[in-house]
Amino acid sequence: MELPIYQVDAFTTAVFGGNPAAVCPLDEWLPDDVLQSIAAENNLAETAFFTRQPDGAFHLRWFTPACEVELCGHATLATALVLFEELNEDMDMLRFQTKSG
């Protein structure tokens, strides 16, 4: 299986600074144990996974190397950067659907 994975340093303009997060866009959800294994292999504080929803929002989930978490601010910002800068989303606003609301 091949998946794109972006590593983003949030809250900084310096290389190797800030808070690192991995971001992994998905066409559809993989089993939770696979998501957890990917996050463990990335070995960063958080790995964010997202899918596009039919209404244009993005379903977003975060995993540490050990478990899924309900909220992660820096990985959310990293996901927005990937959507705008790497995947060229052309929207004025992003909407995320998450466990935390």
PDB file of N, CA and C in Angstrom:
ATOM      1  N   MET A   1       0.838  -1.172   0.000  1.00  0.00           N
ATOM      2  CA  MET A   1       0.000   0.000   0.000  1.00  0.00           C
ATOM      3  C   MET A   1       0.887   1.241   0.000  1.00  0.00           C
ATOM      4  N   GLU A   2       0.565   2.187  -0.838  1.00  0.00           N
ATOM      5  CA  GLU A   2       1.280   3.456  -0.872  1.00  0.00           C
ATOM      6  C   GLU A   2       0.325   4.580  -0.534  1.00  0.00           C
ATOM      7  N   LEU A   3       0.729   5.418   0.413  1.00  0.00           N
ATOM      8  CA  LEU A   3      -0.070   6.570   0.827  1.00  0.00           C
ATOM      9  C   LEU A   3       0.829   7.797   0.887  1.00  0.00           C
ATOM     10  N   PRO A   4       0.304   8.949   0.482  1.00  0.00           N
ATOM     11  CA  PRO A   4       1.100  10.170   0.659  1.00  0.00           C
ATOM     12  C   PRO A   4       1.125  10.551   2.136  1.00  0.00           C
ATOM     13  N   ILE A   5       2.288  10.929   2.610  1.00  0.00           N
ATOM     14  CA  ILE A   5       2.434  11.402   3.981  1.00  0.00           C
ATOM     15  C   ILE A   5       3.302  12.656   3.939  1.00  0.00           C
ATOM     16  N   TYR A   6       2.786  13.721   4.536  1.00  0.00           N
ATOM     17  CA  TYR A   6       3.501  14.992   4.607  1.00  0.00           C
ATOM     18  C   TYR A   6       3.927  15.213   6.053  1.00  0.00           C
ATOM     19  N   GLN A   7       5.141  15.662   6.268  1.00  0.00           N
ATOM     20  CA  GLN A   7       5.567  16.054   7.605  1.00  0.00           C
ATOM     21  C   GLN A   7       5.657  17.572   7.636  1.00  0.00           C
ATOM     22  N   VAL A   8       4.954  18.162   8.579  1.00  0.00           N
ATOM     23  CA  VAL A   8       4.854  19.613   8.684  1.00  0.00           C
ATOM     24  C   VAL A   8       5.307  20.040  10.076  1.00  0.00           C
ATOM     25  N   ASP A   9       6.130  21.074  10.139  1.00  0.00           N
ATOM     26  CA  ASP A   9       6.518  21.675  11.411  1.00  0.00           C
ATOM     27  C   ASP A   9       5.614  22.882  11.644  1.00  0.00           C
ATOM     28  N   ALA A  10       4.652  22.734  12.544  1.00  0.00           N
ATOM     29  CA  ALA A  10       3.699  23.814  12.833  1.00  0.00           C
ATOM     30  C   ALA A  10       4.318  24.826  13.795  1.00  0.00           C
ATOM     31  N   PHE A  11       3.799  26.031  13.757  1.00  0.00           N
ATOM     32  CA  PHE A  11       4.201  27.121  14.659  1.00  0.00           C
ATOM     33  C   PHE A  11       5.643  27.568  14.469  1.00  0.00           C
ATOM     34  N   THR A  12       6.176  27.459  13.265  1.00  0.00           N
ATOM     35  CA  THR A  12       7.547  27.911  13.037  1.00  0.00           C
ATOM     36  C   THR A  12       7.762  28.204  11.556  1.00  0.00           C
ATOM     37  N   THR A  13       8.789  28.967  11.273  1.00  0.00           N
ATOM     38  CA  THR A  13       9.252  29.137   9.896  1.00  0.00           C
ATOM     39  C   THR A  13      10.629  28.501   9.741  1.00  0.00           C
ATOM     40  N   ALA A  14      11.160  27.942  10.834  1.00  0.00           N
ATOM     41  CA  ALA A  14      12.497  27.344  10.812  1.00  0.00           C
ATOM     42  C   ALA A  14      12.408  25.837  10.587  1.00  0.00           C
ATOM     43  N   VAL A  15      13.308  25.336   9.771  1.00  0.00           N
ATOM     44  CA  VAL A  15      13.393  23.895   9.568  1.00  0.00           C
ATOM     45  C   VAL A  15      13.763  23.231  10.891  1.00  0.00           C
ATOM     46  N   PHE A  16      13.134  22.098  11.178  1.00  0.00           N
ATOM     47  CA  PHE A  16      13.354  21.330  12.405  1.00  0.00           C
ATOM     48  C   PHE A  16      12.903  22.064  13.662  1.00  0.00           C
ATOM     49  N   GLY A  17      12.042  23.061  13.507  1.00  0.00           N
ATOM     50  CA  GLY A  17      11.515  23.780  14.660  1.00  0.00           C
ATOM     51  C   GLY A  17      10.041  23.492  14.848  1.00  0.00           C
ATOM     52  N   GLY A  18       9.436  24.156  15.788  1.00  0.00           N
ATOM     53  CA  GLY A  18       7.997  24.050  16.001  1.00  0.00           C
ATOM     54  C   GLY A  18       7.544  22.682  16.467  1.00  0.00           C
ATOM     55  N   ASN A  19       6.303  22.364  16.141  1.00  0.00           N
ATOM     56  CA  ASN A  19       5.689  21.093  16.531  1.00  0.00           C
ATOM     57  C   ASN A  19       5.478  20.243  15.279  1.00  0.00           C
ATOM     58  N   PRO A  20       6.191  19.145  15.133  1.00  0.00           N
ATOM     59  CA  PRO A  20       6.027  18.328  13.935  1.00  0.00           C
ATOM     60  C   PRO A  20       4.756  17.471  14.000  1.00  0.00           C
ATOM     61  N   ALA A  21       4.135  17.329  12.847  1.00  0.00           N
ATOM     62  CA  ALA A  21       2.974  16.449  12.697  1.00  0.00           C
ATOM     63  C   ALA A  21       3.032  15.832  11.309  1.00  0.00           C
ATOM     64  N   ALA A  22       2.580  14.604  11.202  1.00  0.00           N
ATOM     65  CA  ALA A  22       2.422  13.968   9.900  1.00  0.00           C
ATOM     66  C   ALA A  22       0.977  14.165   9.464  1.00  0.00           C
ATOM     67  N   VAL A  23       0.772  14.315   8.167  1.00  0.00           N
ATOM     68  CA  VAL A  23      -0.574  14.477   7.603  1.00  0.00           C
ATOM     69  C   VAL A  23      -0.717  13.476   6.469  1.00  0.00           C
ATOM     70  N   CYS A  24      -1.784  12.707   6.514  1.00  0.00           N
ATOM     71  CA  CYS A  24      -1.992  11.640   5.538  1.00  0.00           C
ATOM     72  C   CYS A  24      -3.398  11.749   4.952  1.00  0.00           C
ATOM     73  N   PRO A  25      -3.526  12.245   3.710  1.00  0.00           N
ATOM     74  CA  PRO A  25      -4.832  12.274   3.058  1.00  0.00           C
ATOM     75  C   PRO A  25      -5.246  10.859   2.645  1.00  0.00           C
ATOM     76  N   LEU A  26      -6.514  10.555   2.819  1.00  0.00           N
ATOM     77  CA  LEU A  26      -7.046   9.240   2.453  1.00  0.00           C
ATOM     78  C   LEU A  26      -8.251   9.399   1.532  1.00  0.00           C
ATOM     79  N   ASP A  27      -8.389   8.489   0.587  1.00  0.00           N
ATOM     80  CA  ASP A  27      -9.598   8.460  -0.239  1.00  0.00           C
ATOM     81  C   ASP A  27     -10.765   7.880   0.544  1.00  0.00           C
ATOM     82  N   GLU A  28     -10.459   6.920   1.397  1.00  0.00           N
ATOM     83  CA  GLU A  28     -11.456   6.315   2.277  1.00  0.00           C
ATOM     84  C   GLU A  28     -10.739   5.834   3.523  1.00  0.00           C
ATOM     85  N   TRP A  29     -11.519   5.621   4.594  1.00  0.00           N
ATOM     86  CA  TRP A  29     -10.907   5.233   5.860  1.00  0.00           C
ATOM     87  C   TRP A  29     -10.328   3.836   5.801  1.00  0.00           C
ATOM     88  N   LEU A  30      -9.170   3.703   6.366  1.00  0.00           N
ATOM     89  CA  LEU A  30      -8.533   2.408   6.574  1.00  0.00           C
ATOM     90  C   LEU A  30      -8.948   1.903   7.954  1.00  0.00           C
ATOM     91  N   PRO A  31      -8.779   0.618   8.235  1.00  0.00           N
ATOM     92  CA  PRO A  31      -9.087   0.113   9.578  1.00  0.00           C
ATOM     93  C   PRO A  31      -8.266   0.853  10.638  1.00  0.00           C
ATOM     94  N   ASP A  32      -8.859   1.008  11.811  1.00  0.00           N
ATOM     95  CA  ASP A  32      -8.196   1.743  12.889  1.00  0.00           C
ATOM     96  C   ASP A  32      -6.828   1.171  13.235  1.00  0.00           C
ATOM     97  N   ASP A  33      -6.681  -0.147  13.199  1.00  0.00           N
ATOM     98  CA  ASP A  33      -5.378  -0.730  13.548  1.00  0.00           C
ATOM     99  C   ASP A  33      -4.311  -0.355  12.521  1.00  0.00           C
ATOM    100  N   VAL A  34      -4.706  -0.168  11.267  1.00  0.00           N
ATOM    101  CA  VAL A  34      -3.757   0.274  10.237  1.00  0.00           C
ATOM    102  C   VAL A  34      -3.384   1.739  10.475  1.00  0.00           C
ATOM    103  N   LEU A  35      -4.365   2.585  10.779  1.00  0.00           N
ATOM    104  CA  LEU A  35      -4.074   3.989  11.089  1.00  0.00           C
ATOM    105  C   LEU A  35      -3.126   4.079  12.283  1.00  0.00           C
ATOM    106  N   GLN A  36      -3.390   3.266  13.301  1.00  0.00           N
ATOM    107  CA  GLN A  36      -2.538   3.274  14.483  1.00  0.00           C
ATOM    108  C   GLN A  36      -1.122   2.823  14.149  1.00  0.00           C
ATOM    109  N   SER A  37      -0.980   1.823  13.298  1.00  0.00           N
ATOM    110  CA  SER A  37       0.347   1.337  12.904  1.00  0.00           C
ATOM    111  C   SER A  37       1.108   2.391  12.109  1.00  0.00           C
ATOM    112  N   ILE A  38       0.415   3.110  11.243  1.00  0.00           N
ATOM    113  CA  ILE A  38       1.063   4.182  10.474  1.00  0.00           C
ATOM    114  C   ILE A  38       1.552   5.260  11.427  1.00  0.00           C
ATOM    115  N   ALA A  39       0.714   5.655  12.384  1.00  0.00           N
ATOM    116  CA  ALA A  39       1.113   6.681  13.354  1.00  0.00           C
ATOM    117  C   ALA A  39       2.295   6.208  14.188  1.00  0.00           C
ATOM    118  N   ALA A  40       2.289   4.945  14.583  1.00  0.00           N
ATOM    119  CA  ALA A  40       3.412   4.418  15.366  1.00  0.00           C
ATOM    120  C   ALA A  40       4.699   4.443  14.550  1.00  0.00           C
ATOM    121  N   GLU A  41       4.596   4.103  13.287  1.00  0.00           N
ATOM    122  CA  GLU A  41       5.789   4.114  12.441  1.00  0.00           C
ATOM    123  C   GLU A  41       6.290   5.540  12.209  1.00  0.00           C
ATOM    124  N   ASN A  42       5.375   6.499  12.064  1.00  0.00           N
ATOM    125  CA  ASN A  42       5.793   7.901  11.908  1.00  0.00           C
ATOM    126  C   ASN A  42       6.513   8.393  13.157  1.00  0.00           C
ATOM    127  N   ASN A  43       6.065   7.919  14.320  1.00  0.00           N
ATOM    128  CA  ASN A  43       6.699   8.227  15.598  1.00  0.00           C
ATOM    129  C   ASN A  43       6.803   9.734  15.864  1.00  0.00           C
ATOM    130  N   LEU A  44       5.757  10.458  15.482  1.00  0.00           N
ATOM    131  CA  LEU A  44       5.648  11.880  15.809  1.00  0.00           C
ATOM    132  C   LEU A  44       4.561  12.038  16.858  1.00  0.00           C
ATOM    133  N   ALA A  45       4.475  13.210  17.462  1.00  0.00           N
ATOM    134  CA  ALA A  45       3.453  13.430  18.487  1.00  0.00           C
ATOM    135  C   ALA A  45       2.065  13.076  17.948  1.00  0.00           C
ATOM    136  N   GLU A  46       1.753  13.504  16.720  1.00  0.00           N
ATOM    137  CA  GLU A  46       0.477  13.182  16.097  1.00  0.00           C
ATOM    138  C   GLU A  46       0.649  12.932  14.609  1.00  0.00           C
ATOM    139  N   THR A  47      -0.191  12.044  14.117  1.00  0.00           N
ATOM    140  CA  THR A  47      -0.392  11.865  12.683  1.00  0.00           C
ATOM    141  C   THR A  47      -1.859  12.149  12.424  1.00  0.00           C
ATOM    142  N   ALA A  48      -2.126  13.074  11.516  1.00  0.00           N
ATOM    143  CA  ALA A  48      -3.498  13.434  11.155  1.00  0.00           C
ATOM    144  C   ALA A  48      -3.881  12.697   9.882  1.00  0.00           C
ATOM    145  N   PHE A  49      -5.063  12.118   9.891  1.00  0.00           N
ATOM    146  CA  PHE A  49      -5.631  11.454   8.718  1.00  0.00           C
ATOM    147  C   PHE A  49      -6.923  12.175   8.370  1.00  0.00           C
ATOM    148  N   PHE A  50      -7.170  12.370   7.077  1.00  0.00           N
ATOM    149  CA  PHE A  50      -8.432  13.008   6.713  1.00  0.00           C
ATOM    150  C   PHE A  50      -8.992  12.430   5.426  1.00  0.00           C
ATOM    151  N   THR A  51     -10.318  12.525   5.308  1.00  0.00           N
ATOM    152  CA  THR A  51     -11.040  12.192   4.082  1.00  0.00           C
ATOM    153  C   THR A  51     -11.962  13.359   3.752  1.00  0.00           C
ATOM    154  N   ARG A  52     -12.258  13.516   2.482  1.00  0.00           N
ATOM    155  CA  ARG A  52     -13.218  14.540   2.061  1.00  0.00           C
ATOM    156  C   ARG A  52     -14.625  13.963   2.187  1.00  0.00           C
ATOM    157  N   GLN A  53     -15.531  14.752   2.744  1.00  0.00           N
ATOM    158  CA  GLN A  53     -16.920  14.355   2.906  1.00  0.00           C
ATOM    159  C   GLN A  53     -17.756  14.872   1.729  1.00  0.00           C
ATOM    160  N   PRO A  54     -18.897  14.254   1.455  1.00  0.00           N
ATOM    161  CA  PRO A  54     -19.740  14.706   0.334  1.00  0.00           C
ATOM    162  C   PRO A  54     -20.158  16.173   0.426  1.00  0.00           C
ATOM    163  N   ASP A  55     -20.273  16.714   1.650  1.00  0.00           N
ATOM    164  CA  ASP A  55     -20.696  18.111   1.812  1.00  0.00           C
ATOM    165  C   ASP A  55     -19.535  19.102   1.677  1.00  0.00           C
ATOM    166  N   GLY A  56     -18.328  18.610   1.363  1.00  0.00           N
ATOM    167  CA  GLY A  56     -17.169  19.475   1.184  1.00  0.00           C
ATOM    168  C   GLY A  56     -16.312  19.629   2.428  1.00  0.00           C
ATOM    169  N   ALA A  57     -16.814  19.192   3.579  1.00  0.00           N
ATOM    170  CA  ALA A  57     -16.011  19.227   4.809  1.00  0.00           C
ATOM    171  C   ALA A  57     -14.989  18.088   4.765  1.00  0.00           C
ATOM    172  N   PHE A  58     -14.068  18.127   5.701  1.00  0.00           N
ATOM    173  CA  PHE A  58     -13.056  17.081   5.815  1.00  0.00           C
ATOM    174  C   PHE A  58     -13.218  16.392   7.160  1.00  0.00           C
ATOM    175  N   HIS A  59     -13.341  15.069   7.145  1.00  0.00           N
ATOM    176  CA  HIS A  59     -13.370  14.293   8.380  1.00  0.00           C
ATOM    177  C   HIS A  59     -11.919  14.102   8.795  1.00  0.00           C
ATOM    178  N   LEU A  60     -11.588  14.524   9.989  1.00  0.00           N
ATOM    179  CA  LEU A  60     -10.208  14.577  10.462  1.00  0.00           C
ATOM    180  C   LEU A  60     -10.071  13.779  11.755  1.00  0.00           C
ATOM    181  N   ARG A  61      -9.044  12.936  11.804  1.00  0.00           N
ATOM    182  CA  ARG A  61      -8.737  12.149  13.003  1.00  0.00           C
ATOM    183  C   ARG A  61      -7.248  12.255  13.294  1.00  0.00           C
ATOM    184  N   TRP A  62      -6.893  12.150  14.595  1.00  0.00           N
ATOM    185  CA  TRP A  62      -5.498  12.276  15.011  1.00  0.00           C
ATOM    186  C   TRP A  62      -5.090  11.048  15.814  1.00  0.00           C
ATOM    187  N   PHE A  63      -3.898  10.549  15.528  1.00  0.00           N
ATOM    188  CA  PHE A  63      -3.349   9.407  16.257  1.00  0.00           C
ATOM    189  C   PHE A  63      -1.953   9.749  16.752  1.00  0.00           C
ATOM    190  N   THR A  64      -1.676   9.406  18.007  1.00  0.00           N
ATOM    191  CA  THR A  64      -0.315   9.434  18.531  1.00  0.00           C
ATOM    192  C   THR A  64       0.290   8.072  18.201  1.00  0.00           C
ATOM    193  N   PRO A  65       1.552   7.842  18.525  1.00  0.00           N
ATOM    194  CA  PRO A  65       2.097   6.494  18.326  1.00  0.00           C
ATOM    195  C   PRO A  65       1.383   5.422  19.161  1.00  0.00           C
ATOM    196  N   ALA A  66       0.640   5.844  20.201  1.00  0.00           N
ATOM    197  CA  ALA A  66       0.007   4.879  21.103  1.00  0.00           C
ATOM    198  C   ALA A  66      -1.515   4.788  21.008  1.00  0.00           C
ATOM    199  N   CYS A  67      -2.193   5.890  20.591  1.00  0.00           N
ATOM    200  CA  CYS A  67      -3.664   5.870  20.616  1.00  0.00           C
ATOM    201  C   CYS A  67      -4.247   7.014  19.777  1.00  0.00           C
ATOM    202  N   GLU A  68      -5.553   6.918  19.534  1.00  0.00           N
ATOM    203  CA  GLU A  68      -6.271   8.017  18.882  1.00  0.00           C
ATOM    204  C   GLU A  68      -6.603   9.061  19.943  1.00  0.00           C
ATOM    205  N   VAL A  69      -6.511  10.338  19.573  1.00  0.00           N
ATOM    206  CA  VAL A  69      -6.849  11.432  20.493  1.00  0.00           C
ATOM    207  C   VAL A  69      -8.024  12.220  19.936  1.00  0.00           C
ATOM    208  N   GLU A  70      -8.712  12.946  20.816  1.00  0.00           N
ATOM    209  CA  GLU A  70      -9.919  13.660  20.420  1.00  0.00           C
ATOM    210  C   GLU A  70      -9.643  15.027  19.816  1.00  0.00           C
ATOM    211  N   LEU A  71      -8.456  15.587  20.044  1.00  0.00           N
ATOM    212  CA  LEU A  71      -8.168  16.929  19.554  1.00  0.00           C
ATOM    213  C   LEU A  71      -6.666  17.128  19.466  1.00  0.00           C
ATOM    214  N   CYS A  72      -6.229  17.777  18.396  1.00  0.00           N
ATOM    215  CA  CYS A  72      -4.822  18.168  18.281  1.00  0.00           C
ATOM    216  C   CYS A  72      -4.736  19.421  17.410  1.00  0.00           C
ATOM    217  N   GLY A  73      -4.410  20.535  18.041  1.00  0.00           N
ATOM    218  CA  GLY A  73      -4.369  21.810  17.335  1.00  0.00           C
ATOM    219  C   GLY A  73      -3.282  21.901  16.281  1.00  0.00           C
ATOM    220  N   HIS A  74      -2.040  21.512  16.630  1.00  0.00           N
ATOM    221  CA  HIS A  74      -0.959  21.706  15.659  1.00  0.00           C
ATOM    222  C   HIS A  74      -1.112  20.774  14.463  1.00  0.00           C
ATOM    223  N   ALA A  75      -1.666  19.574  14.660  1.00  0.00           N
ATOM    224  CA  ALA A  75      -1.886  18.677  13.519  1.00  0.00           C
ATOM    225  C   ALA A  75      -3.054  19.158  12.652  1.00  0.00           C
ATOM    226  N   THR A  76      -4.005  19.869  13.255  1.00  0.00           N
ATOM    227  CA  THR A  76      -5.088  20.481  12.471  1.00  0.00           C
ATOM    228  C   THR A  76      -4.523  21.580  11.581  1.00  0.00           C
ATOM    229  N   LEU A  77      -3.670  22.420  12.148  1.00  0.00           N
ATOM    230  CA  LEU A  77      -3.035  23.476  11.340  1.00  0.00           C
ATOM    231  C   LEU A  77      -2.156  22.877  10.248  1.00  0.00           C
ATOM    232  N   ALA A  78      -1.452  21.803  10.572  1.00  0.00           N
ATOM    233  CA  ALA A  78      -0.629  21.123   9.571  1.00  0.00           C
ATOM    234  C   ALA A  78      -1.495  20.579   8.437  1.00  0.00           C
ATOM    235  N   THR A  79      -2.663  20.047   8.768  1.00  0.00           N
ATOM    236  CA  THR A  79      -3.589  19.542   7.750  1.00  0.00           C
ATOM    237  C   THR A  79      -4.066  20.667   6.848  1.00  0.00           C
ATOM    238  N   ALA A  80      -4.403  21.816   7.426  1.00  0.00           N
ATOM    239  CA  ALA A  80      -4.824  22.968   6.618  1.00  0.00           C
ATOM    240  C   ALA A  80      -3.707  23.400   5.675  1.00  0.00           C
ATOM    241  N   LEU A  81      -2.469  23.430   6.157  1.00  0.00           N
ATOM    242  CA  LEU A  81      -1.347  23.798   5.290  1.00  0.00           C
ATOM    243  C   LEU A  81      -1.223  22.818   4.127  1.00  0.00           C
ATOM    244  N   VAL A  82      -1.324  21.524   4.392  1.00  0.00           N
ATOM    245  CA  VAL A  82      -1.229  20.525   3.323  1.00  0.00           C
ATOM    246  C   VAL A  82      -2.354  20.729   2.310  1.00  0.00           C
ATOM    247  N   LEU A  83      -3.571  20.961   2.801  1.00  0.00           N
ATOM    248  CA  LEU A  83      -4.694  21.157   1.876  1.00  0.00           C
ATOM    249  C   LEU A  83      -4.475  22.390   0.989  1.00  0.00           C
ATOM    250  N   PHE A  84      -4.046  23.488   1.583  1.00  0.00           N
ATOM    251  CA  PHE A  84      -3.871  24.721   0.806  1.00  0.00           C
ATOM    252  C   PHE A  84      -2.588  24.728  -0.027  1.00  0.00           C
ATOM    253  N   GLU A  85      -1.473  24.347   0.567  1.00  0.00           N
ATOM    254  CA  GLU A  85      -0.179  24.509  -0.094  1.00  0.00           C
ATOM    255  C   GLU A  85       0.247  23.322  -0.957  1.00  0.00           C
ATOM    256  N   GLU A  86      -0.100  22.119  -0.555  1.00  0.00           N
ATOM    257  CA  GLU A  86       0.342  20.930  -1.290  1.00  0.00           C
ATOM    258  C   GLU A  86      -0.745  20.360  -2.215  1.00  0.00           C
ATOM    259  N   LEU A  87      -1.987  20.404  -1.761  1.00  0.00           N
ATOM    260  CA  LEU A  87      -3.081  19.817  -2.536  1.00  0.00           C
ATOM    261  C   LEU A  87      -3.901  20.868  -3.267  1.00  0.00           C
ATOM    262  N   ASN A  88      -3.496  22.133  -3.127  1.00  0.00           N
ATOM    263  CA  ASN A  88      -4.060  23.256  -3.881  1.00  0.00           C
ATOM    264  C   ASN A  88      -5.575  23.393  -3.759  1.00  0.00           C
ATOM    265  N   GLU A  89      -6.101  23.212  -2.543  1.00  0.00           N
ATOM    266  CA  GLU A  89      -7.528  23.456  -2.314  1.00  0.00           C
ATOM    267  C   GLU A  89      -7.796  24.933  -2.556  1.00  0.00           C
ATOM    268  N   ASP A  90      -8.828  25.214  -3.300  1.00  0.00           N
ATOM    269  CA  ASP A  90      -9.175  26.588  -3.649  1.00  0.00           C
ATOM    270  C   ASP A  90     -10.473  26.963  -2.937  1.00  0.00           C
ATOM    271  N   MET A  91     -10.363  27.219  -1.638  1.00  0.00           N
ATOM    272  CA  MET A  91     -11.521  27.628  -0.859  1.00  0.00           C
ATOM    273  C   MET A  91     -11.107  28.711   0.120  1.00  0.00           C
ATOM    274  N   ASP A  92     -12.084  29.501   0.531  1.00  0.00           N
ATOM    275  CA  ASP A  92     -11.823  30.559   1.501  1.00  0.00           C
ATOM    276  C   ASP A  92     -11.816  30.036   2.928  1.00  0.00           C
ATOM    277  N   MET A  93     -12.469  28.874   3.147  1.00  0.00           N
ATOM    278  CA  MET A  93     -12.608  28.344   4.487  1.00  0.00           C
ATOM    279  C   MET A  93     -12.614  26.818   4.423  1.00  0.00           C
ATOM    280  N   LEU A  94     -11.969  26.198   5.395  1.00  0.00           N
ATOM    281  CA  LEU A  94     -12.008  24.744   5.531  1.00  0.00           C
ATOM    282  C   LEU A  94     -12.929  24.395   6.692  1.00  0.00           C
ATOM    283  N   ARG A  95     -13.671  23.310   6.536  1.00  0.00           N
ATOM    284  CA  ARG A  95     -14.488  22.796   7.638  1.00  0.00           C
ATOM    285  C   ARG A  95     -14.019  21.392   7.957  1.00  0.00           C
ATOM    286  N   PHE A  96     -13.719  21.170   9.238  1.00  0.00           N
ATOM    287  CA  PHE A  96     -13.292  19.861   9.705  1.00  0.00           C
ATOM    288  C   PHE A  96     -14.378  19.271  10.598  1.00  0.00           C
ATOM    289  N   GLN A  97     -14.642  18.000  10.409  1.00  0.00           N
ATOM    290  CA  GLN A  97     -15.512  17.246  11.303  1.00  0.00           C
ATOM    291  C   GLN A  97     -14.614  16.328  12.105  1.00  0.00           C
ATOM    292  N   THR A  98     -14.702  16.408  13.443  1.00  0.00           N
ATOM    293  CA  THR A  98     -13.820  15.641  14.317  1.00  0.00           C
ATOM    294  C   THR A  98     -14.599  15.095  15.508  1.00  0.00           C
ATOM    295  N   LYS A  99     -13.960  14.252  16.290  1.00  0.00           N
ATOM    296  CA  LYS A  99     -14.575  13.750  17.526  1.00  0.00           C
ATOM    297  C   LYS A  99     -14.861  14.874  18.513  1.00  0.00           C
ATOM    298  N   SER A 100     -14.068  15.937  18.443  1.00  0.00           N
ATOM    299  CA  SER A 100     -14.221  17.029  19.403  1.00  0.00           C
ATOM    300  C   SER A 100     -15.203  18.095  18.924  1.00  0.00           C
ATOM    301  N   GLY A 101     -15.793  17.900  17.774  1.00  0.00           N
ATOM    302  CA  GLY A 101     -16.781  18.865  17.282  1.00  0.00           C
ATOM    303  C   GLY A 101     -16.363  19.542  16.024  1.00  0.00           C
TER     304      GLY A 101
END
